[in-house]
Amino acid sequence: MRRLLPEPTAEVTVAELMDELRPWEHAPPDRPYVSMNFAVTLDGHSTVGGVSRPIGSTRDTELLVGLRTRADALMIGGGTMRAERYGRVIRDPKKREGREALGLEPDPLVVIVSGRLDLPWDAPLFTEGFGEIVIFTASLEDPPETSTPVEVVRHTDRVDLPAALGHLRAKHGVKALLCEGGAVLHGELLQVDCVDEIFVAHAPKLAGGRGPGLVEGLDPALRPLDVVWLISEPETGELFARYAVRG
């Protein structure tokens, strides 16, 4: 990979990029430092056939896993959980050891935002028994027994995201949170001004048709971002960008 901005370099590795990231050092006092990550096609689709897998690449996955190693918690929406059926988010033992060396738990706390609590309870995330899960919901239903410990936090009518982030900071000590979507959850986080930076993998692909973009449901308004770095992958033609959200 090559760094194009801010200072061009002949080559840069994923490990070097990750070494630059210490989001827990920049957390506000009342919530975690929140990063968002997604891959998009040239025509702006964040999923194809309901899942993101066809858009990315091996390099994109490497960067995604790298970002997961730098966060206390990983947040996803219920729709993303149903489509992607997550399992253990850090499977490489060496990467879990690397997290511990940074003072993080070996497995990130997994946070699910699900208004209806309609989740695939047979997915590996719930059945493998690694780490812990926090679910924010407005449902009064009780979840089934799971091998992985689950804490359910109930909100009235709909999930209050600022309150949820405050709960994660106060009760679980989460200082750095990575949100992997989907588009509705990304839009809701941006709407309440709870996003600090955005990572985007721009894939040289066209999806066509209709489908979700980077964000959904965000009120129309220009929201300026600052480019922190731009990386090219000559082998795949991908561009990986890191943007800071202006306060």
C-alpha atoms as a PDB file:
ATOM      1  CA  MET A   1       0.000   0.000   0.000  1.00  0.00           C
ATOM      2  CA  ARG A   2       1.049   3.595  -0.594  1.00  0.00           C
ATOM      3  CA  ARG A   3       0.246   6.659   1.473  1.00  0.00           C
ATOM      4  CA  LEU A   4      -1.015   9.469  -0.753  1.00  0.00           C
ATOM      5  CA  LEU A   5      -1.907  11.955   2.003  1.00  0.00           C
ATOM      6  CA  PRO A   6      -0.787  13.773   4.054  1.00  0.00           C
ATOM      7  CA  GLU A   7       2.818  12.835   3.182  1.00  0.00           C
ATOM      8  CA  PRO A   8       3.304  10.494   0.208  1.00  0.00           C
ATOM      9  CA  THR A   9       5.345   7.388   0.918  1.00  0.00           C
ATOM     10  CA  ALA A  10       6.524   4.522  -1.246  1.00  0.00           C
ATOM     11  CA  GLU A  11       4.960   1.933   1.032  1.00  0.00           C
ATOM     12  CA  VAL A  12       3.026   1.673   4.275  1.00  0.00           C
ATOM     13  CA  THR A  13       1.792  -1.402   6.114  1.00  0.00           C
ATOM     14  CA  VAL A  14      -1.451  -2.029   7.979  1.00  0.00           C
ATOM     15  CA  ALA A  15       0.571  -2.472  11.175  1.00  0.00           C
ATOM     16  CA  GLU A  16       2.109   0.983  10.736  1.00  0.00           C
ATOM     17  CA  LEU A  17      -1.297   2.530  10.158  1.00  0.00           C
ATOM     18  CA  MET A  18      -2.705   0.850  13.249  1.00  0.00           C
ATOM     19  CA  ASP A  19       0.233   2.018  15.374  1.00  0.00           C
ATOM     20  CA  GLU A  20      -0.952   5.577  14.688  1.00  0.00           C
ATOM     21  CA  LEU A  21      -4.353   4.852  16.233  1.00  0.00           C
ATOM     22  CA  ARG A  22      -4.823   5.299  19.974  1.00  0.00           C
ATOM     23  CA  PRO A  23      -8.465   6.427  20.103  1.00  0.00           C
ATOM     24  CA  TRP A  24      -8.861   5.691  23.826  1.00  0.00           C
ATOM     25  CA  GLU A  25      -6.522   8.613  24.524  1.00  0.00           C
ATOM     26  CA  HIS A  26      -9.016  11.034  22.959  1.00  0.00           C
ATOM     27  CA  ALA A  27     -12.271   9.878  24.557  1.00  0.00           C
ATOM     28  CA  PRO A  28     -14.648  12.587  25.829  1.00  0.00           C
ATOM     29  CA  PRO A  29     -15.459  12.359  29.547  1.00  0.00           C
ATOM     30  CA  ASP A  30     -19.061  11.191  29.062  1.00  0.00           C
ATOM     31  CA  ARG A  31     -18.856   8.741  26.133  1.00  0.00           C
ATOM     32  CA  PRO A  32     -16.393   6.669  24.126  1.00  0.00           C
ATOM     33  CA  TYR A  33     -14.415   8.017  21.187  1.00  0.00           C
ATOM     34  CA  VAL A  34     -16.529   6.724  18.282  1.00  0.00           C
ATOM     35  CA  SER A  35     -15.172   5.599  14.920  1.00  0.00           C
ATOM     36  CA  MET A  36     -17.214   4.301  11.992  1.00  0.00           C
ATOM     37  CA  ASN A  37     -15.967   1.938   9.321  1.00  0.00           C
ATOM     38  CA  PHE A  38     -17.469   0.755   6.052  1.00  0.00           C
ATOM     39  CA  ALA A  39     -16.679  -0.180   2.467  1.00  0.00           C
ATOM     40  CA  VAL A  40     -18.568   1.398  -0.435  1.00  0.00           C
ATOM     41  CA  THR A  41     -18.770   0.927  -4.180  1.00  0.00           C
ATOM     42  CA  LEU A  42     -18.084   3.762  -6.593  1.00  0.00           C
ATOM     43  CA  ASP A  43     -21.835   4.372  -6.885  1.00  0.00           C
ATOM     44  CA  GLY A  44     -22.191   4.559  -3.116  1.00  0.00           C
ATOM     45  CA  HIS A  45     -23.591   1.161  -2.087  1.00  0.00           C
ATOM     46  CA  SER A  46     -22.531  -0.224   1.288  1.00  0.00           C
ATOM     47  CA  THR A  47     -24.078  -3.670   0.722  1.00  0.00           C
ATOM     48  CA  VAL A  48     -24.724  -5.971  -2.228  1.00  0.00           C
ATOM     49  CA  GLY A  49     -27.468  -8.531  -1.789  1.00  0.00           C
ATOM     50  CA  GLY A  50     -27.855  -7.370   1.806  1.00  0.00           C
ATOM     51  CA  VAL A  51     -24.255  -8.020   2.877  1.00  0.00           C
ATOM     52  CA  SER A  52     -21.010  -6.053   2.662  1.00  0.00           C
ATOM     53  CA  ARG A  53     -18.702  -8.973   1.852  1.00  0.00           C
ATOM     54  CA  PRO A  54     -18.771  -8.646  -1.982  1.00  0.00           C
ATOM     55  CA  ILE A  55     -17.591  -5.030  -1.787  1.00  0.00           C
ATOM     56  CA  GLY A  56     -14.403  -5.525   0.196  1.00  0.00           C
ATOM     57  CA  SER A  57     -11.191  -7.455  -0.366  1.00  0.00           C
ATOM     58  CA  THR A  58      -8.526  -9.283   1.582  1.00  0.00           C
ATOM     59  CA  ARG A  59      -6.784  -5.955   2.224  1.00  0.00           C
ATOM     60  CA  ASP A  60     -10.033  -4.341   3.327  1.00  0.00           C
ATOM     61  CA  THR A  61     -10.578  -7.223   5.770  1.00  0.00           C
ATOM     62  CA  GLU A  62      -7.034  -6.807   7.096  1.00  0.00           C
ATOM     63  CA  LEU A  63      -7.711  -3.142   7.817  1.00  0.00           C
ATOM     64  CA  LEU A  64     -11.080  -3.953   9.375  1.00  0.00           C
ATOM     65  CA  VAL A  65      -9.512  -6.466  11.753  1.00  0.00           C
ATOM     66  CA  GLY A  66      -6.784  -3.942  12.523  1.00  0.00           C
ATOM     67  CA  LEU A  67      -9.379  -1.361  13.522  1.00  0.00           C
ATOM     68  CA  ARG A  68     -11.067  -3.935  15.746  1.00  0.00           C
ATOM     69  CA  THR A  69      -7.796  -4.439  17.605  1.00  0.00           C
ATOM     70  CA  ARG A  70      -7.775  -0.743  18.571  1.00  0.00           C
ATOM     71  CA  ALA A  71     -11.232  -0.503  20.151  1.00  0.00           C
ATOM     72  CA  ASP A  72     -12.663  -1.471  23.525  1.00  0.00           C
ATOM     73  CA  ALA A  73     -16.022  -2.223  21.926  1.00  0.00           C
ATOM     74  CA  LEU A  74     -17.560  -3.041  18.554  1.00  0.00           C
ATOM     75  CA  MET A  75     -21.087  -1.752  17.791  1.00  0.00           C
ATOM     76  CA  ILE A  76     -23.502  -3.062  15.153  1.00  0.00           C
ATOM     77  CA  GLY A  77     -27.204  -2.721  14.437  1.00  0.00           C
ATOM     78  CA  GLY A  78     -29.693  -5.566  14.574  1.00  0.00           C
ATOM     79  CA  GLY A  79     -30.017  -5.642  10.785  1.00  0.00           C
ATOM     80  CA  THR A  80     -26.261  -6.000  10.357  1.00  0.00           C
ATOM     81  CA  MET A  81     -26.246  -8.833  12.888  1.00  0.00           C
ATOM     82  CA  ARG A  82     -29.032 -10.630  11.029  1.00  0.00           C
ATOM     83  CA  ALA A  83     -27.315 -10.228   7.655  1.00  0.00           C
ATOM     84  CA  GLU A  84     -23.712 -10.918   8.649  1.00  0.00           C
ATOM     85  CA  ARG A  85     -24.243 -13.372  11.545  1.00  0.00           C
ATOM     86  CA  TYR A  86     -21.137 -12.337  13.457  1.00  0.00           C
ATOM     87  CA  GLY A  87     -18.913 -14.735  15.339  1.00  0.00           C
ATOM     88  CA  ARG A  88     -15.861 -14.030  17.472  1.00  0.00           C
ATOM     89  CA  VAL A  89     -14.594 -10.695  16.171  1.00  0.00           C
ATOM     90  CA  ILE A  90     -10.880 -11.249  16.955  1.00  0.00           C
ATOM     91  CA  ARG A  91     -10.040 -14.835  16.033  1.00  0.00           C
ATOM     92  CA  ASP A  92      -6.236 -14.587  15.797  1.00  0.00           C
ATOM     93  CA  PRO A  93      -4.668 -15.346  19.221  1.00  0.00           C
ATOM     94  CA  LYS A  94      -1.692 -13.107  18.419  1.00  0.00           C
ATOM     95  CA  LYS A  95      -4.010 -10.173  17.777  1.00  0.00           C
ATOM     96  CA  ARG A  96      -5.758 -10.812  21.083  1.00  0.00           C
ATOM     97  CA  GLU A  97      -2.348 -10.827  22.771  1.00  0.00           C
ATOM     98  CA  GLY A  98      -1.589  -7.535  21.027  1.00  0.00           C
ATOM     99  CA  ARG A  99      -4.764  -6.036  22.464  1.00  0.00           C
ATOM    100  CA  GLU A 100      -3.742  -7.119  25.960  1.00  0.00           C
ATOM    101  CA  ALA A 101      -0.333  -5.503  25.462  1.00  0.00           C
ATOM    102  CA  LEU A 102      -2.179  -2.238  24.816  1.00  0.00           C
ATOM    103  CA  GLY A 103      -4.176  -2.621  28.027  1.00  0.00           C
ATOM    104  CA  LEU A 104      -7.363  -3.747  26.246  1.00  0.00           C
ATOM    105  CA  GLU A 105      -9.439  -6.857  26.877  1.00  0.00           C
ATOM    106  CA  PRO A 106      -8.507  -9.723  24.509  1.00  0.00           C
ATOM    107  CA  ASP A 107     -12.043  -9.744  23.066  1.00  0.00           C
ATOM    108  CA  PRO A 108     -13.803  -6.442  22.377  1.00  0.00           C
ATOM    109  CA  LEU A 109     -17.166  -5.940  24.036  1.00  0.00           C
ATOM    110  CA  VAL A 110     -19.789  -6.460  21.310  1.00  0.00           C
ATOM    111  CA  VAL A 111     -22.628  -3.932  21.390  1.00  0.00           C
ATOM    112  CA  ILE A 112     -25.841  -4.539  19.450  1.00  0.00           C
ATOM    113  CA  VAL A 113     -28.530  -1.902  18.927  1.00  0.00           C
ATOM    114  CA  SER A 114     -31.785  -3.728  18.238  1.00  0.00           C
ATOM    115  CA  GLY A 115     -35.109  -2.025  18.764  1.00  0.00           C
ATOM    116  CA  ARG A 116     -37.144  -5.236  18.424  1.00  0.00           C
ATOM    117  CA  LEU A 117     -34.617  -7.735  19.842  1.00  0.00           C
ATOM    118  CA  ASP A 118     -35.111  -9.746  16.641  1.00  0.00           C
ATOM    119  CA  LEU A 119     -31.696 -11.367  16.441  1.00  0.00           C
ATOM    120  CA  PRO A 120     -30.213 -14.629  15.096  1.00  0.00           C
ATOM    121  CA  TRP A 121     -29.629 -16.270  18.470  1.00  0.00           C
ATOM    122  CA  ASP A 122     -28.028 -19.309  16.805  1.00  0.00           C
ATOM    123  CA  ALA A 123     -25.237 -17.163  15.291  1.00  0.00           C
ATOM    124  CA  PRO A 124     -21.679 -17.966  16.479  1.00  0.00           C
ATOM    125  CA  LEU A 125     -21.424 -14.686  18.389  1.00  0.00           C
ATOM    126  CA  PHE A 126     -24.029 -16.008  20.821  1.00  0.00           C
ATOM    127  CA  THR A 127     -23.083 -19.687  20.790  1.00  0.00           C
ATOM    128  CA  GLU A 128     -19.268 -19.669  20.929  1.00  0.00           C
ATOM    129  CA  GLY A 129     -19.043 -18.189  24.438  1.00  0.00           C
ATOM    130  CA  PHE A 130     -16.187 -15.709  23.893  1.00  0.00           C
ATOM    131  CA  GLY A 131     -16.203 -12.200  25.325  1.00  0.00           C
ATOM    132  CA  GLU A 132     -19.352 -10.349  26.369  1.00  0.00           C
ATOM    133  CA  ILE A 133     -22.324  -8.734  24.631  1.00  0.00           C
ATOM    134  CA  VAL A 134     -24.429  -5.697  25.538  1.00  0.00           C
ATOM    135  CA  ILE A 135     -27.750  -5.236  23.730  1.00  0.00           C
ATOM    136  CA  PHE A 136     -29.623  -1.937  23.775  1.00  0.00           C
ATOM    137  CA  THR A 137     -33.286  -2.406  22.906  1.00  0.00           C
ATOM    138  CA  ALA A 138     -36.776  -0.977  23.319  1.00  0.00           C
ATOM    139  CA  SER A 139     -38.297  -4.465  23.377  1.00  0.00           C
ATOM    140  CA  LEU A 140     -39.790  -5.982  26.523  1.00  0.00           C
ATOM    141  CA  GLU A 141     -39.022  -9.508  25.318  1.00  0.00           C
ATOM    142  CA  ASP A 142     -36.456 -11.613  27.159  1.00  0.00           C
ATOM    143  CA  PRO A 143     -33.571 -13.094  25.142  1.00  0.00           C
ATOM    144  CA  PRO A 144     -32.966 -16.852  25.169  1.00  0.00           C
ATOM    145  CA  GLU A 145     -30.113 -18.431  27.094  1.00  0.00           C
ATOM    146  CA  THR A 146     -26.793 -17.983  25.276  1.00  0.00           C
ATOM    147  CA  SER A 147     -23.282 -19.334  25.772  1.00  0.00           C
ATOM    148  CA  THR A 148     -21.850 -15.824  25.482  1.00  0.00           C
ATOM    149  CA  PRO A 149     -22.865 -13.587  28.414  1.00  0.00           C
ATOM    150  CA  VAL A 150     -25.471 -11.014  27.356  1.00  0.00           C
ATOM    151  CA  GLU A 151     -26.536  -7.864  29.176  1.00  0.00           C
ATOM    152  CA  VAL A 152     -29.821  -6.340  27.966  1.00  0.00           C
ATOM    153  CA  VAL A 153     -30.331  -2.610  28.534  1.00  0.00           C
ATOM    154  CA  ARG A 154     -33.896  -1.495  27.866  1.00  0.00           C
ATOM    155  CA  HIS A 155     -34.901   1.955  26.648  1.00  0.00           C
ATOM    156  CA  THR A 156     -38.418   3.355  26.255  1.00  0.00           C
ATOM    157  CA  ASP A 157     -39.892   3.607  22.722  1.00  0.00           C
ATOM    158  CA  ARG A 158     -36.501   3.589  20.984  1.00  0.00           C
ATOM    159  CA  VAL A 159     -32.834   3.281  21.842  1.00  0.00           C
ATOM    160  CA  ASP A 160     -31.321   6.536  23.080  1.00  0.00           C
ATOM    161  CA  LEU A 161     -27.832   6.425  21.563  1.00  0.00           C
ATOM    162  CA  PRO A 162     -26.200   9.159  23.689  1.00  0.00           C
ATOM    163  CA  ALA A 163     -27.522   7.399  26.804  1.00  0.00           C
ATOM    164  CA  ALA A 164     -26.283   4.055  25.476  1.00  0.00           C
ATOM    165  CA  LEU A 165     -22.801   5.461  24.876  1.00  0.00           C
ATOM    166  CA  GLY A 166     -22.829   6.982  28.361  1.00  0.00           C
ATOM    167  CA  HIS A 167     -23.748   3.583  29.814  1.00  0.00           C
ATOM    168  CA  LEU A 168     -20.855   1.932  27.973  1.00  0.00           C
ATOM    169  CA  ARG A 169     -18.422   4.514  29.296  1.00  0.00           C
ATOM    170  CA  ALA A 170     -19.697   4.554  32.895  1.00  0.00           C
ATOM    171  CA  LYS A 171     -20.423   0.858  33.460  1.00  0.00           C
ATOM    172  CA  HIS A 172     -18.000  -0.891  31.104  1.00  0.00           C
ATOM    173  CA  GLY A 173     -15.170   1.639  30.911  1.00  0.00           C
ATOM    174  CA  VAL A 174     -15.381   1.807  27.102  1.00  0.00           C
ATOM    175  CA  LYS A 175     -13.174   4.632  25.835  1.00  0.00           C
ATOM    176  CA  ALA A 176     -12.923   3.614  22.160  1.00  0.00           C
ATOM    177  CA  LEU A 177     -15.819   2.216  20.140  1.00  0.00           C
ATOM    178  CA  LEU A 178     -15.845   1.062  16.510  1.00  0.00           C
ATOM    179  CA  CYS A 179     -19.218   1.028  14.734  1.00  0.00           C
ATOM    180  CA  GLU A 180     -19.581  -1.232  11.691  1.00  0.00           C
ATOM    181  CA  GLY A 181     -23.123  -0.213  10.792  1.00  0.00           C
ATOM    182  CA  GLY A 182     -25.411  -0.580   9.143  1.00  0.00           C
ATOM    183  CA  ALA A 183     -26.297   2.614   7.371  1.00  0.00           C
ATOM    184  CA  VAL A 184     -29.232   3.463   9.650  1.00  0.00           C
ATOM    185  CA  LEU A 185     -27.136   3.152  12.812  1.00  0.00           C
ATOM    186  CA  HIS A 186     -24.379   5.233  11.220  1.00  0.00           C
ATOM    187  CA  GLY A 187     -26.908   7.914  10.352  1.00  0.00           C
ATOM    188  CA  GLU A 188     -28.363   7.932  13.863  1.00  0.00           C
ATOM    189  CA  LEU A 189     -24.932   8.311  15.458  1.00  0.00           C
ATOM    190  CA  LEU A 190     -24.082  11.188  13.161  1.00  0.00           C
ATOM    191  CA  GLN A 191     -27.468  12.790  13.782  1.00  0.00           C
ATOM    192  CA  VAL A 192     -26.768  13.048  17.522  1.00  0.00           C
ATOM    193  CA  ASP A 193     -23.171  14.274  16.974  1.00  0.00           C
ATOM    194  CA  CYS A 194     -21.573  11.193  18.504  1.00  0.00           C
ATOM    195  CA  VAL A 195     -19.031  10.347  15.771  1.00  0.00           C
ATOM    196  CA  ASP A 196     -15.384  11.394  15.919  1.00  0.00           C
ATOM    197  CA  GLU A 197     -13.849   9.791  12.833  1.00  0.00           C
ATOM    198  CA  ILE A 198     -14.822   7.761   9.790  1.00  0.00           C
ATOM    199  CA  PHE A 199     -12.887   5.084   7.912  1.00  0.00           C
ATOM    200  CA  VAL A 200     -14.024   4.332   4.355  1.00  0.00           C
ATOM    201  CA  ALA A 201     -12.766   1.722   1.911  1.00  0.00           C
ATOM    202  CA  HIS A 202     -13.586   3.002  -1.589  1.00  0.00           C
ATOM    203  CA  ALA A 203     -13.887  -0.084  -3.810  1.00  0.00           C
ATOM    204  CA  PRO A 204     -13.431   0.217  -7.607  1.00  0.00           C
ATOM    205  CA  LYS A 205     -16.765  -1.535  -8.239  1.00  0.00           C
ATOM    206  CA  LEU A 206     -20.246  -0.592  -9.422  1.00  0.00           C
ATOM    207  CA  ALA A 207     -23.262  -2.241  -7.803  1.00  0.00           C
ATOM    208  CA  GLY A 208     -26.138  -0.657  -9.736  1.00  0.00           C
ATOM    209  CA  GLY A 209     -29.752  -0.814  -8.639  1.00  0.00           C
ATOM    210  CA  ARG A 210     -30.909   0.526  -5.313  1.00  0.00           C
ATOM    211  CA  GLY A 211     -29.455  -0.115  -1.885  1.00  0.00           C
ATOM    212  CA  PRO A 212     -28.170   1.497   1.290  1.00  0.00           C
ATOM    213  CA  GLY A 213     -25.340   4.001   1.113  1.00  0.00           C
ATOM    214  CA  LEU A 214     -22.941   5.137   3.802  1.00  0.00           C
ATOM    215  CA  VAL A 215     -25.689   6.538   6.005  1.00  0.00           C
ATOM    216  CA  GLU A 216     -29.485   6.450   6.033  1.00  0.00           C
ATOM    217  CA  GLY A 217     -31.962   8.794   7.705  1.00  0.00           C
ATOM    218  CA  LEU A 218     -29.551  11.659   8.295  1.00  0.00           C
ATOM    219  CA  ASP A 219     -31.104  15.120   8.074  1.00  0.00           C
ATOM    220  CA  PRO A 220     -29.946  16.987   4.937  1.00  0.00           C
ATOM    221  CA  ALA A 221     -27.039  19.259   5.845  1.00  0.00           C
ATOM    222  CA  LEU A 222     -23.423  19.659   4.842  1.00  0.00           C
ATOM    223  CA  ARG A 223     -21.129  18.118   7.439  1.00  0.00           C
ATOM    224  CA  PRO A 224     -17.490  18.964   6.660  1.00  0.00           C
ATOM    225  CA  LEU A 225     -14.817  16.354   7.292  1.00  0.00           C
ATOM    226  CA  ASP A 226     -11.036  16.609   7.401  1.00  0.00           C
ATOM    227  CA  VAL A 227      -8.924  14.033   5.560  1.00  0.00           C
ATOM    228  CA  VAL A 228      -6.437  12.500   7.998  1.00  0.00           C
ATOM    229  CA  TRP A 229      -4.913  10.070   5.539  1.00  0.00           C
ATOM    230  CA  LEU A 230      -5.532   8.503   2.146  1.00  0.00           C
ATOM    231  CA  ILE A 231      -3.997   5.144   1.248  1.00  0.00           C
ATOM    232  CA  SER A 232      -3.985   3.413  -2.143  1.00  0.00           C
ATOM    233  CA  GLU A 233      -3.735  -0.306  -2.789  1.00  0.00           C
ATOM    234  CA  PRO A 234      -2.340  -0.642  -6.335  1.00  0.00           C
ATOM    235  CA  GLU A 235      -3.084  -4.364  -6.549  1.00  0.00           C
ATOM    236  CA  THR A 236      -6.839  -3.932  -6.087  1.00  0.00           C
ATOM    237  CA  GLY A 237      -7.350  -0.278  -6.982  1.00  0.00           C
ATOM    238  CA  GLU A 238      -8.912   0.441  -3.591  1.00  0.00           C
ATOM    239  CA  LEU A 239      -8.576   3.717  -1.740  1.00  0.00           C
ATOM    240  CA  PHE A 240      -8.680   3.700   2.072  1.00  0.00           C
ATOM    241  CA  ALA A 241      -9.524   7.005   3.690  1.00  0.00           C
ATOM    242  CA  ARG A 242      -9.597   8.220   7.275  1.00  0.00           C
ATOM    243  CA  TYR A 243     -11.690  11.313   7.986  1.00  0.00           C
ATOM    244  CA  ALA A 244     -11.992  13.359  11.170  1.00  0.00           C
ATOM    245  CA  VAL A 245     -15.450  14.757  11.946  1.00  0.00           C
ATOM    246  CA  ARG A 246     -15.231  18.454  12.721  1.00  0.00           C
ATOM    247  CA  GLY A 247     -16.566  19.351  16.152  1.00  0.00           C
END
